[in-house]
Every structure is written in structure tokens, then in C-alpha cells.
């Protein structure tokens, strides 16, 4: 009885694995062109140079309300200019969500926790002077590039 059960189980598994859904392309479209190559892009250069904000971090997110998305790019660029103008920091990712702004800055040298907190508060004060409408959180990291 056990052998029959195992045989039926294996038969069912192999029958389930052999299923090929013909006609699925009619619903979803093909993922290739006439040459048979797939249209997959793995260009990392475009991904690394893109300025992501909280509003556009997922390019596949649907725009359901029909209006244009909020564009905070001018504020992000201004925050990066303030960071780069100090001369001792390199600007990193800047995220905006509502009236909150998260900023990451990189410094070339090693720092203790106390030095990092002091540098973070100084940079935060400069950013608040430049962009007073945001609640700004600053994170200083060591630049290892």
C-alpha cells in the first residue's frame, strides 16, 4: 500500500511539473523580440546615477490619482549643495517624506561617536538654515571610497 501511495505521489508531482501554460503570452505579451532575445536591462550605471526620492523610489508604482507626483528635487539639490559647500563632507542619499528630510553625508576621516554627533549637529544647523521647513535628520558616515 505504501509503495502504491508513493508511486501515485511521484506521478502527481511529475505531472504537475510538466505543465506548460500555452497562450499566456496572449494575456501578458511577449518578453522578447523577433531575434529571440529577452528585453532585460541590467545597466547599473543608470541605477546608480538616478536621484531617488521617497516619491519615486519604485518606478513601477502606479499613479492612481491622475495628478503629477510631488517633485522635491529642488530641495534635494539645495541640501546637497549645502553639504558639498562645507568642503569636508560629500553628500549622499537625501530622502524627503512629507516635512521630514533624511540626509546622509560622508567624511574621509575616521571619527569617534562624539565627533560624529558634533559634526552631525553642526551640519544639521546649516541645513536647517538653508531649508527651514523640514525636520532634518543627519547621519554622518565614513567615506571608504
Foldseek 3Di string as FASTA:
>chain_A
DVVVVVVVVVVVVVVVVPDDDPPPCVVVNDQDDPVPDGPDDPPVVVVVPDQDEPQPPDVPDDPPVPDDDDDPPVLVVQLQVLQVVVVQWHWDHWYDDPQEIETEIEGADDDDPVRQVVVQVVSLVSSCVRPVSHDYGYGYYYDPD
